[in-house]
C-alpha cells in the first residue's frame, strides 16, 4: 500500500520600521506585508535536506538559513509607482548594503499570545535588525532577507523575501530598527 499526502504550505511575511532620530524621537511605522520569493523554498528545502551539514551535501559551499539583510536603493521611478515584484527574482534591483544576521537577531514568537517570545520553535520567526547611523546610508527603497549560500558579497545567496517601501533617505543621524515576522502556515 502506498500513502501519499500533499501538504499545502505557505509562508506569510510582514515587517515594520521604527525610525530613531538624534533627539530621541521615535517614529514607529505600521505592520506591512512583504512578499515571499521563490528562493525561500530553496532555503527551506536545503535546511530540511541538511545541506552543508552532512555528506554528500556538505560541499562545495556552506548553506544556512536566513543570514543577511540586504538594502537597496531601487529606482527613482518607484517613488511615483512601485513595481510589481516578480517572485522569481533572485536579487534586489540595486543592492548597496548587506548586514549579517546573527542568532541574537532572531527569535521564535508565539503568534497566539500576541507574538510573545518562545524558547521553543514555533511557526513564527521574528528577525530584528538595527541599522546604526554609520550603516546603509543613502536612498533606501527596498530590502530583502538572504540565506542559503549567502555571504557578505552583494547579490549573493538565495533571496527569501523582498520588500519595496517608500523612500527613506538614511543618513548618519538616523537609526532604523527593522522587524520582519515570517509565519509558516498550513492553510
N, C-alpha and C. Protein backbone atom coordinates (compact mmCIF):
# COMPACT_ATOMS: atom_id res chain seq x y z
N UNK A 1 0.84 -1.16 0.00
CA UNK A 1 0.00 0.00 0.00
C UNK A 1 0.90 1.24 0.00
N UNK A 2 0.57 2.19 -0.83
CA UNK A 2 1.33 3.43 -0.92
C UNK A 2 0.50 4.57 -0.35
N UNK A 3 1.13 5.34 0.51
CA UNK A 3 0.46 6.50 1.07
C UNK A 3 1.07 7.75 0.46
N UNK A 4 0.22 8.66 0.14
CA UNK A 4 0.69 9.92 -0.43
C UNK A 4 -0.12 11.05 0.20
N UNK A 5 0.58 12.02 0.71
CA UNK A 5 -0.10 13.16 1.31
C UNK A 5 0.51 14.45 0.78
N UNK A 6 -0.33 15.35 0.40
CA UNK A 6 0.13 16.66 -0.04
C UNK A 6 -0.09 17.65 1.10
N UNK A 7 0.90 18.43 1.36
CA UNK A 7 0.82 19.43 2.40
C UNK A 7 0.75 20.80 1.73
N UNK A 8 -0.33 21.50 1.95
CA UNK A 8 -0.43 22.86 1.45
C UNK A 8 0.28 23.75 2.45
N UNK A 9 1.38 24.30 2.03
CA UNK A 9 2.27 25.01 2.93
C UNK A 9 2.56 26.38 2.33
N UNK A 10 2.50 27.41 3.15
CA UNK A 10 2.88 28.73 2.66
C UNK A 10 3.56 29.51 3.78
N UNK A 11 4.23 30.57 3.37
CA UNK A 11 4.91 31.45 4.32
C UNK A 11 4.33 32.85 4.12
N UNK A 12 3.95 33.48 5.20
CA UNK A 12 3.47 34.87 5.14
C UNK A 12 4.47 35.74 5.89
N UNK A 13 4.70 36.92 5.35
CA UNK A 13 5.65 37.83 5.99
C UNK A 13 5.06 39.19 6.21
N UNK A 14 5.55 39.86 7.24
CA UNK A 14 5.19 41.25 7.49
C UNK A 14 6.41 41.93 8.12
N UNK A 15 6.44 43.25 8.00
CA UNK A 15 7.59 43.99 8.51
C UNK A 15 7.14 45.35 9.04
N UNK A 16 8.03 45.93 9.86
CA UNK A 16 7.75 47.24 10.45
C UNK A 16 9.09 47.91 10.79
N UNK A 17 9.17 49.22 10.51
CA UNK A 17 10.34 50.01 10.88
C UNK A 17 10.02 50.93 12.05
N UNK A 18 11.02 51.17 12.88
CA UNK A 18 10.97 52.25 13.85
C UNK A 18 12.18 53.13 13.56
N UNK A 19 11.92 54.39 13.21
CA UNK A 19 12.98 55.35 12.92
C UNK A 19 13.31 56.09 14.21
N UNK A 20 14.60 56.18 14.54
CA UNK A 20 15.04 56.83 15.77
C UNK A 20 15.95 58.00 15.38
N UNK A 21 15.53 59.19 15.77
CA UNK A 21 16.25 60.41 15.41
C UNK A 21 17.19 60.83 16.53
N UNK A 22 18.17 61.70 16.24
CA UNK A 22 19.19 62.07 17.24
C UNK A 22 18.61 62.68 18.52
N UNK A 23 17.45 63.34 18.42
CA UNK A 23 16.85 63.94 19.61
C UNK A 23 16.09 62.92 20.46
N UNK A 24 16.16 61.63 20.07
CA UNK A 24 15.48 60.58 20.81
C UNK A 24 14.07 60.28 20.34
N UNK A 25 13.56 61.11 19.44
CA UNK A 25 12.21 60.90 18.92
C UNK A 25 12.16 59.60 18.11
N UNK A 26 11.09 58.83 18.35
CA UNK A 26 10.88 57.56 17.63
C UNK A 26 9.61 57.65 16.81
N UNK A 27 9.71 57.24 15.55
CA UNK A 27 8.54 57.18 14.68
C UNK A 27 8.36 55.72 14.28
N UNK A 28 7.28 55.13 14.81
CA UNK A 28 7.03 53.71 14.56
C UNK A 28 6.08 53.56 13.38
N UNK A 29 6.49 52.77 12.40
CA UNK A 29 5.65 52.51 11.24
C UNK A 29 4.61 51.46 11.55
N UNK A 30 3.78 51.18 10.58
CA UNK A 30 2.75 50.15 10.75
C UNK A 30 3.26 48.83 10.16
N UNK A 31 2.65 47.75 10.60
CA UNK A 31 2.98 46.46 10.02
C UNK A 31 2.47 46.43 8.58
N UNK A 32 3.35 45.99 7.67
CA UNK A 32 3.01 45.90 6.26
C UNK A 32 3.40 44.52 5.75
N UNK A 33 2.68 44.01 4.76
CA UNK A 33 3.04 42.69 4.23
C UNK A 33 4.31 42.76 3.40
N UNK A 34 5.02 41.65 3.35
CA UNK A 34 6.15 41.55 2.42
C UNK A 34 5.98 40.29 1.60
N UNK A 35 6.62 40.27 0.46
CA UNK A 35 6.46 39.16 -0.48
C UNK A 35 7.52 38.10 -0.25
N UNK A 36 7.08 36.88 -0.13
CA UNK A 36 8.00 35.76 -0.03
C UNK A 36 8.40 35.37 -1.46
N UNK A 37 9.70 35.24 -1.68
CA UNK A 37 10.22 34.92 -3.00
C UNK A 37 10.34 33.40 -3.17
N UNK A 38 10.45 32.96 -4.42
CA UNK A 38 10.62 31.53 -4.70
C UNK A 38 11.88 30.96 -4.04
N UNK A 39 12.88 31.81 -3.83
CA UNK A 39 14.11 31.36 -3.18
C UNK A 39 13.90 30.84 -1.77
N UNK A 40 12.81 31.25 -1.12
CA UNK A 40 12.52 30.76 0.24
C UNK A 40 12.37 29.25 0.24
N UNK A 41 11.76 28.69 -0.80
CA UNK A 41 11.58 27.24 -0.88
C UNK A 41 12.93 26.53 -0.97
N UNK A 42 13.89 27.12 -1.69
CA UNK A 42 15.22 26.52 -1.78
C UNK A 42 15.91 26.51 -0.42
N UNK A 43 15.76 27.60 0.34
CA UNK A 43 16.38 27.66 1.66
C UNK A 43 15.75 26.63 2.59
N UNK A 44 14.42 26.56 2.62
CA UNK A 44 13.73 25.60 3.48
C UNK A 44 14.09 24.17 3.09
N UNK A 45 14.07 23.86 1.79
CA UNK A 45 14.41 22.51 1.33
C UNK A 45 15.86 22.17 1.65
N UNK A 46 16.76 23.14 1.47
CA UNK A 46 18.16 22.90 1.78
C UNK A 46 18.39 22.61 3.25
N UNK A 47 17.67 23.32 4.11
CA UNK A 47 17.80 23.06 5.55
C UNK A 47 17.20 21.72 5.93
N UNK A 48 16.05 21.38 5.32
CA UNK A 48 15.44 20.08 5.59
C UNK A 48 16.35 18.94 5.11
N UNK A 49 17.04 19.17 3.99
CA UNK A 49 17.96 18.17 3.45
C UNK A 49 19.34 18.21 4.09
N UNK A 50 19.52 19.09 5.05
CA UNK A 50 20.76 19.22 5.82
C UNK A 50 21.96 19.55 4.94
N UNK A 51 21.71 20.36 3.89
CA UNK A 51 22.78 20.81 3.02
C UNK A 51 23.81 21.57 3.84
N UNK A 52 25.07 21.30 3.61
CA UNK A 52 26.14 21.94 4.35
C UNK A 52 26.46 21.27 5.66
N UNK A 53 25.63 20.30 6.04
CA UNK A 53 25.82 19.65 7.34
C UNK A 53 26.35 18.22 7.21
N UNK A 54 25.80 17.46 6.26
CA UNK A 54 26.18 16.05 6.13
C UNK A 54 26.56 15.73 4.69
N UNK A 55 27.45 14.76 4.52
CA UNK A 55 27.83 14.31 3.18
C UNK A 55 26.63 13.63 2.53
N UNK A 56 26.43 13.71 1.24
CA UNK A 56 27.28 14.39 0.27
C UNK A 56 26.90 15.85 0.08
N UNK A 57 26.05 16.37 0.93
CA UNK A 57 25.53 17.73 0.74
C UNK A 57 26.39 18.81 1.39
N UNK A 58 27.56 18.47 1.91
CA UNK A 58 28.34 19.47 2.64
C UNK A 58 29.42 20.13 1.80
N UNK A 59 29.36 20.00 0.49
CA UNK A 59 30.35 20.65 -0.37
C UNK A 59 29.62 21.14 -1.62
N UNK A 60 30.07 22.10 -2.30
CA UNK A 60 31.32 22.84 -2.10
C UNK A 60 31.16 24.12 -1.28
N UNK A 61 29.94 24.54 -0.96
CA UNK A 61 29.76 25.82 -0.25
C UNK A 61 28.91 25.62 1.00
N UNK A 62 29.10 26.46 2.01
CA UNK A 62 28.23 26.40 3.18
C UNK A 62 26.80 26.78 2.81
N UNK A 63 25.85 26.32 3.57
CA UNK A 63 24.44 26.61 3.32
C UNK A 63 23.78 26.90 4.65
N UNK A 64 23.10 28.03 4.75
CA UNK A 64 22.50 28.42 6.02
C UNK A 64 21.05 28.84 5.83
N UNK A 65 20.38 29.04 6.94
CA UNK A 65 19.07 29.67 6.92
C UNK A 65 19.26 31.15 6.64
N UNK A 66 18.34 31.97 7.08
CA UNK A 66 18.44 33.41 6.86
C UNK A 66 19.69 33.93 7.57
N UNK A 67 20.55 34.62 6.82
CA UNK A 67 21.82 35.05 7.39
C UNK A 67 22.21 36.49 7.07
N UNK A 68 21.51 37.15 6.14
CA UNK A 68 21.83 38.54 5.78
C UNK A 68 20.58 39.33 5.45
N UNK A 69 20.62 40.62 5.78
CA UNK A 69 19.63 41.56 5.27
C UNK A 69 20.33 42.42 4.24
N UNK A 70 19.72 42.54 3.07
CA UNK A 70 20.25 43.38 2.00
C UNK A 70 19.39 44.63 1.87
N UNK A 71 20.04 45.75 1.62
CA UNK A 71 19.36 47.04 1.45
C UNK A 71 19.67 47.53 0.04
N UNK A 72 18.66 48.07 -0.64
CA UNK A 72 18.87 48.59 -1.98
C UNK A 72 18.24 49.95 -2.16
N UNK A 73 18.75 50.67 -3.15
CA UNK A 73 18.21 51.99 -3.47
C UNK A 73 17.04 51.91 -4.42
N UNK A 74 16.83 50.75 -5.05
CA UNK A 74 15.74 50.63 -6.01
C UNK A 74 15.91 51.61 -7.14
N UNK A 75 14.80 52.07 -7.69
CA UNK A 75 14.82 53.03 -8.79
C UNK A 75 14.02 54.26 -8.41
N UNK A 76 14.46 55.42 -8.88
CA UNK A 76 13.78 56.68 -8.57
C UNK A 76 12.32 56.64 -9.01
N UNK A 77 12.02 55.99 -10.12
CA UNK A 77 10.64 55.88 -10.61
C UNK A 77 9.70 55.20 -9.62
N UNK A 78 10.25 54.43 -8.70
CA UNK A 78 9.42 53.75 -7.71
C UNK A 78 8.77 54.75 -6.74
N UNK A 79 9.32 55.97 -6.65
CA UNK A 79 8.74 56.97 -5.76
C UNK A 79 7.35 57.39 -6.23
N UNK A 80 7.08 57.20 -7.51
CA UNK A 80 5.78 57.53 -8.09
C UNK A 80 4.89 56.29 -8.14
N UNK A 81 5.41 55.21 -8.73
CA UNK A 81 4.66 53.97 -8.86
C UNK A 81 5.58 52.80 -8.53
N UNK A 82 5.26 52.08 -7.46
CA UNK A 82 6.05 50.89 -7.11
C UNK A 82 5.74 49.77 -8.09
N UNK A 83 6.75 49.03 -8.52
CA UNK A 83 6.51 47.96 -9.49
C UNK A 83 5.94 46.71 -8.84
N UNK A 84 5.37 45.85 -9.66
CA UNK A 84 5.01 44.51 -9.18
C UNK A 84 6.33 43.77 -8.96
N UNK A 85 6.38 42.98 -7.94
CA UNK A 85 7.60 42.26 -7.60
C UNK A 85 7.50 40.83 -8.10
N UNK A 86 8.26 40.45 -9.12
CA UNK A 86 8.24 39.05 -9.55
C UNK A 86 8.81 38.13 -8.46
N UNK A 87 8.08 37.07 -8.13
CA UNK A 87 8.54 36.13 -7.10
C UNK A 87 9.75 35.34 -7.56
N UNK A 88 10.03 35.38 -8.85
CA UNK A 88 11.16 34.64 -9.40
C UNK A 88 12.47 35.42 -9.35
N UNK A 89 12.42 36.71 -9.02
CA UNK A 89 13.66 37.50 -8.97
C UNK A 89 14.60 36.91 -7.93
N UNK A 90 15.89 36.98 -8.23
CA UNK A 90 16.90 36.36 -7.38
C UNK A 90 17.70 37.36 -6.56
N UNK A 91 17.64 38.64 -6.95
CA UNK A 91 18.40 39.69 -6.28
C UNK A 91 17.55 40.95 -6.19
N UNK A 92 18.00 41.90 -5.38
CA UNK A 92 17.37 43.21 -5.35
C UNK A 92 17.67 43.95 -6.65
N UNK A 93 16.92 44.99 -6.91
CA UNK A 93 17.17 45.81 -8.10
C UNK A 93 18.53 46.48 -8.03
N UNK A 94 18.83 47.11 -6.86
CA UNK A 94 20.10 47.83 -6.71
C UNK A 94 20.60 47.71 -5.27
N UNK A 95 21.10 46.55 -4.93
CA UNK A 95 21.63 46.35 -3.58
C UNK A 95 22.90 47.17 -3.39
N UNK A 96 23.00 47.87 -2.23
CA UNK A 96 24.22 48.62 -1.94
C UNK A 96 24.76 48.36 -0.53
N UNK A 97 24.01 47.62 0.29
CA UNK A 97 24.48 47.35 1.65
C UNK A 97 23.94 46.00 2.09
N UNK A 98 24.75 45.30 2.88
CA UNK A 98 24.35 44.00 3.40
C UNK A 98 24.81 43.90 4.85
N UNK A 99 23.92 43.40 5.71
CA UNK A 99 24.24 43.25 7.14
C UNK A 99 24.02 41.81 7.56
N UNK A 100 24.99 41.27 8.27
CA UNK A 100 24.90 39.91 8.79
C UNK A 100 23.82 39.84 9.88
N UNK A 101 23.08 38.74 9.88
CA UNK A 101 22.06 38.49 10.89
C UNK A 101 22.54 37.33 11.75
N UNK A 102 22.72 37.59 13.02
CA UNK A 102 23.19 36.56 13.93
C UNK A 102 22.04 35.91 14.70
N UNK A 103 22.36 34.90 15.48
CA UNK A 103 21.35 34.18 16.26
C UNK A 103 20.63 35.12 17.22
N UNK A 104 21.33 36.12 17.76
CA UNK A 104 20.71 37.06 18.70
C UNK A 104 19.69 37.97 18.02
N UNK A 105 19.72 38.04 16.69
CA UNK A 105 18.79 38.88 15.93
C UNK A 105 17.49 38.15 15.58
N UNK A 106 17.40 36.87 15.94
CA UNK A 106 16.22 36.07 15.59
C UNK A 106 15.64 35.43 16.84
N UNK A 107 14.32 35.34 16.86
CA UNK A 107 13.66 34.61 17.94
C UNK A 107 12.35 34.03 17.42
N UNK A 108 11.98 32.91 17.99
CA UNK A 108 10.66 32.36 17.71
C UNK A 108 9.67 33.09 18.58
N UNK A 109 8.50 33.37 18.03
CA UNK A 109 7.45 34.03 18.80
C UNK A 109 6.17 33.23 18.65
N UNK A 110 5.32 33.35 19.65
CA UNK A 110 4.04 32.64 19.65
C UNK A 110 2.97 33.54 19.04
N UNK A 111 2.49 33.22 17.84
CA UNK A 111 1.51 34.08 17.21
C UNK A 111 0.14 34.07 17.89
N UNK A 112 -0.06 33.16 18.84
CA UNK A 112 -1.35 33.09 19.52
C UNK A 112 -1.39 33.93 20.80
N UNK A 113 -0.23 34.40 21.26
CA UNK A 113 -0.20 35.17 22.50
C UNK A 113 0.45 36.52 22.32
N UNK A 114 -0.07 37.39 21.71
CA UNK A 114 0.41 38.18 20.58
C UNK A 114 1.93 38.33 20.50
N UNK A 115 2.50 37.38 19.82
CA UNK A 115 3.91 37.38 19.43
C UNK A 115 4.85 37.45 20.63
N UNK A 116 4.51 36.73 21.69
CA UNK A 116 5.39 36.62 22.85
C UNK A 116 6.58 35.73 22.49
N UNK A 117 7.78 36.07 22.95
CA UNK A 117 8.95 35.23 22.67
C UNK A 117 8.76 33.81 23.18
N UNK A 118 9.31 32.85 22.45
CA UNK A 118 9.20 31.44 22.82
C UNK A 118 10.60 30.82 22.85
N UNK A 119 10.87 30.05 23.88
CA UNK A 119 12.16 29.35 23.97
C UNK A 119 12.22 28.18 22.99
N UNK A 120 11.07 27.69 22.59
CA UNK A 120 11.00 26.55 21.66
C UNK A 120 10.59 27.04 20.27
N UNK A 121 10.94 26.28 19.24
CA UNK A 121 10.49 26.67 17.90
C UNK A 121 8.97 26.74 17.80
N UNK A 122 8.50 27.75 17.08
CA UNK A 122 7.08 27.90 16.78
C UNK A 122 6.98 28.06 15.26
N UNK A 123 5.78 28.30 14.77
CA UNK A 123 5.63 28.50 13.33
C UNK A 123 5.86 29.95 12.93
N UNK A 124 6.34 30.80 13.86
CA UNK A 124 6.58 32.21 13.56
C UNK A 124 7.98 32.61 14.02
N UNK A 125 8.76 33.11 13.06
CA UNK A 125 10.12 33.56 13.33
C UNK A 125 10.18 35.07 13.18
N UNK A 126 10.78 35.74 14.15
CA UNK A 126 10.93 37.19 14.10
C UNK A 126 12.40 37.53 13.94
N UNK A 127 12.71 38.35 12.95
CA UNK A 127 14.07 38.80 12.68
C UNK A 127 14.10 40.30 12.95
N UNK A 128 15.01 40.74 13.82
CA UNK A 128 15.12 42.16 14.17
C UNK A 128 16.54 42.64 13.85
N UNK A 129 16.63 43.66 13.02
CA UNK A 129 17.93 44.20 12.62
C UNK A 129 17.95 45.69 12.90
N UNK A 130 19.02 46.17 13.50
CA UNK A 130 19.19 47.59 13.73
C UNK A 130 20.25 48.12 12.77
N UNK A 131 19.84 49.10 11.98
CA UNK A 131 20.77 49.80 11.09
C UNK A 131 21.26 51.03 11.84
N UNK A 132 22.50 50.98 12.25
CA UNK A 132 23.09 52.06 13.05
C UNK A 132 23.35 53.29 12.17
N UNK A 133 23.62 54.46 12.78
CA UNK A 133 23.84 55.67 12.00
C UNK A 133 24.92 55.54 10.92
N UNK A 134 25.92 54.69 11.14
CA UNK A 134 27.00 54.55 10.17
C UNK A 134 26.70 53.52 9.08
N UNK A 135 25.52 52.87 9.12
CA UNK A 135 25.23 51.77 8.20
C UNK A 135 24.13 52.13 7.20
N UNK A 136 24.29 51.64 5.98
CA UNK A 136 23.26 51.69 4.92
C UNK A 136 22.85 53.11 4.56
N UNK A 137 23.77 54.06 4.66
CA UNK A 137 23.41 55.43 4.36
C UNK A 137 23.21 55.62 2.86
N UNK A 138 22.11 56.29 2.53
CA UNK A 138 21.75 56.53 1.14
C UNK A 138 20.25 56.39 0.97
N UNK A 139 19.83 56.39 -0.27
CA UNK A 139 18.41 56.24 -0.59
C UNK A 139 18.01 54.78 -0.44
N UNK A 140 17.06 54.53 0.45
CA UNK A 140 16.58 53.16 0.69
C UNK A 140 15.16 53.04 0.15
N UNK A 141 14.94 52.06 -0.74
CA UNK A 141 13.60 51.80 -1.27
C UNK A 141 13.25 50.31 -1.25
N UNK A 142 14.22 49.46 -0.95
CA UNK A 142 13.98 48.02 -0.99
C UNK A 142 14.89 47.31 0.01
N UNK A 143 14.41 46.16 0.47
CA UNK A 143 15.26 45.29 1.29
C UNK A 143 14.79 43.86 1.13
N UNK A 144 15.67 42.94 1.55
CA UNK A 144 15.35 41.51 1.49
C UNK A 144 16.19 40.76 2.51
N UNK A 145 15.72 39.58 2.85
CA UNK A 145 16.49 38.65 3.66
C UNK A 145 17.07 37.61 2.70
N UNK A 146 18.33 37.21 2.95
CA UNK A 146 19.01 36.22 2.13
C UNK A 146 19.53 35.10 3.01
N UNK A 147 19.64 33.91 2.45
CA UNK A 147 20.20 32.76 3.13
C UNK A 147 20.80 31.81 2.12
N UNK A 148 20.79 30.51 2.47
CA UNK A 148 21.37 29.51 1.56
C UNK A 148 22.86 29.71 1.44
N UNK A 149 23.32 30.05 0.25
CA UNK A 149 24.75 30.26 0.01
C UNK A 149 25.15 31.73 0.18
N UNK A 150 24.33 32.54 0.85
CA UNK A 150 24.60 33.97 1.02
C UNK A 150 25.87 34.21 1.80
N UNK A 151 26.56 35.27 1.42
CA UNK A 151 27.74 35.73 2.13
C UNK A 151 27.72 37.24 2.17
N UNK A 152 28.83 37.86 2.56
CA UNK A 152 28.86 39.31 2.63
C UNK A 152 28.89 40.01 1.26
N UNK A 153 29.14 39.25 0.21
CA UNK A 153 29.17 39.82 -1.14
C UNK A 153 27.76 40.19 -1.58
N UNK A 154 27.59 41.42 -2.10
CA UNK A 154 26.29 41.85 -2.59
C UNK A 154 25.74 40.88 -3.62
N UNK A 155 24.42 40.70 -3.63
CA UNK A 155 23.72 39.82 -4.58
C UNK A 155 24.06 38.35 -4.44
N UNK A 156 24.67 37.93 -3.33
CA UNK A 156 24.99 36.51 -3.16
C UNK A 156 23.88 35.79 -2.39
N UNK A 157 23.75 34.51 -2.66
CA UNK A 157 22.83 33.66 -1.93
C UNK A 157 21.44 33.60 -2.53
N UNK A 158 20.53 33.00 -1.76
CA UNK A 158 19.15 32.83 -2.17
C UNK A 158 18.29 33.86 -1.43
N UNK A 159 17.40 34.50 -2.17
CA UNK A 159 16.55 35.54 -1.61
C UNK A 159 15.32 34.90 -0.96
N UNK A 160 15.01 35.31 0.26
CA UNK A 160 13.86 34.76 0.99
C UNK A 160 12.61 35.61 0.80
N UNK A 161 12.76 36.91 0.96
CA UNK A 161 11.63 37.83 0.79
C UNK A 161 12.11 39.09 0.12
N UNK A 162 11.16 39.93 -0.30
CA UNK A 162 11.53 41.19 -0.96
C UNK A 162 10.47 42.22 -0.61
N UNK A 163 10.93 43.40 -0.23
CA UNK A 163 10.02 44.49 0.11
C UNK A 163 10.46 45.75 -0.65
N UNK A 164 9.50 46.38 -1.30
CA UNK A 164 9.69 47.73 -1.83
C UNK A 164 8.89 48.65 -0.92
N UNK A 165 9.53 49.71 -0.44
CA UNK A 165 8.87 50.62 0.50
C UNK A 165 9.10 52.07 0.08
N UNK A 166 8.35 53.00 0.66
CA UNK A 166 8.58 54.41 0.35
C UNK A 166 10.02 54.81 0.68
N UNK A 167 10.51 55.77 -0.05
CA UNK A 167 11.88 56.25 0.10
C UNK A 167 12.19 56.66 1.54
N UNK A 168 13.33 56.16 2.04
CA UNK A 168 13.91 56.63 3.30
C UNK A 168 15.29 57.15 2.94
N UNK A 169 15.55 58.41 3.21
CA UNK A 169 16.88 58.98 3.00
C UNK A 169 17.68 58.77 4.28
N UNK A 170 18.34 57.64 4.35
CA UNK A 170 19.11 57.26 5.55
C UNK A 170 20.41 58.04 5.57
N UNK A 171 20.71 58.65 6.72
CA UNK A 171 21.98 59.36 6.88
C UNK A 171 22.58 59.02 8.24
N UNK A 172 23.68 59.67 8.58
CA UNK A 172 24.42 59.35 9.81
C UNK A 172 23.74 59.84 11.08
N UNK A 173 22.55 60.44 10.95
CA UNK A 173 21.82 60.86 12.16
C UNK A 173 20.68 59.91 12.49
N UNK A 174 20.41 58.95 11.61
CA UNK A 174 19.22 58.11 11.74
C UNK A 174 19.57 56.66 12.08
N UNK A 175 18.85 56.11 13.04
CA UNK A 175 18.93 54.68 13.36
C UNK A 175 17.59 54.07 12.96
N UNK A 176 17.63 52.89 12.38
CA UNK A 176 16.39 52.20 11.98
C UNK A 176 16.37 50.83 12.63
N UNK A 177 15.31 50.57 13.39
CA UNK A 177 15.04 49.22 13.90
C UNK A 177 14.02 48.60 12.96
N UNK A 178 14.40 47.54 12.28
CA UNK A 178 13.52 46.88 11.32
C UNK A 178 13.21 45.48 11.83
N UNK A 179 11.92 45.15 11.91
CA UNK A 179 11.48 43.84 12.38
C UNK A 179 10.70 43.16 11.26
N UNK A 180 11.04 41.91 10.99
CA UNK A 180 10.36 41.11 9.97
C UNK A 180 9.83 39.86 10.66
N UNK A 181 8.56 39.57 10.47
CA UNK A 181 7.96 38.35 11.00
C UNK A 181 7.64 37.43 9.83
N UNK A 182 8.06 36.18 9.97
CA UNK A 182 7.80 35.15 8.97
C UNK A 182 6.96 34.06 9.63
N UNK A 183 5.76 33.85 9.11
CA UNK A 183 4.87 32.85 9.70
C UNK A 183 4.69 31.72 8.70
N UNK A 184 4.96 30.52 9.16
CA UNK A 184 4.87 29.31 8.34
C UNK A 184 3.49 28.70 8.58
N UNK A 185 2.69 28.65 7.52
CA UNK A 185 1.26 28.32 7.65
C UNK A 185 0.91 27.02 6.95
N UNK A 186 -0.06 26.37 7.51
CA UNK A 186 -0.69 25.20 6.95
C UNK A 186 -2.16 25.55 6.74
N UNK A 187 -2.52 26.05 5.57
CA UNK A 187 -3.92 26.52 5.41
C UNK A 187 -4.94 25.41 5.60
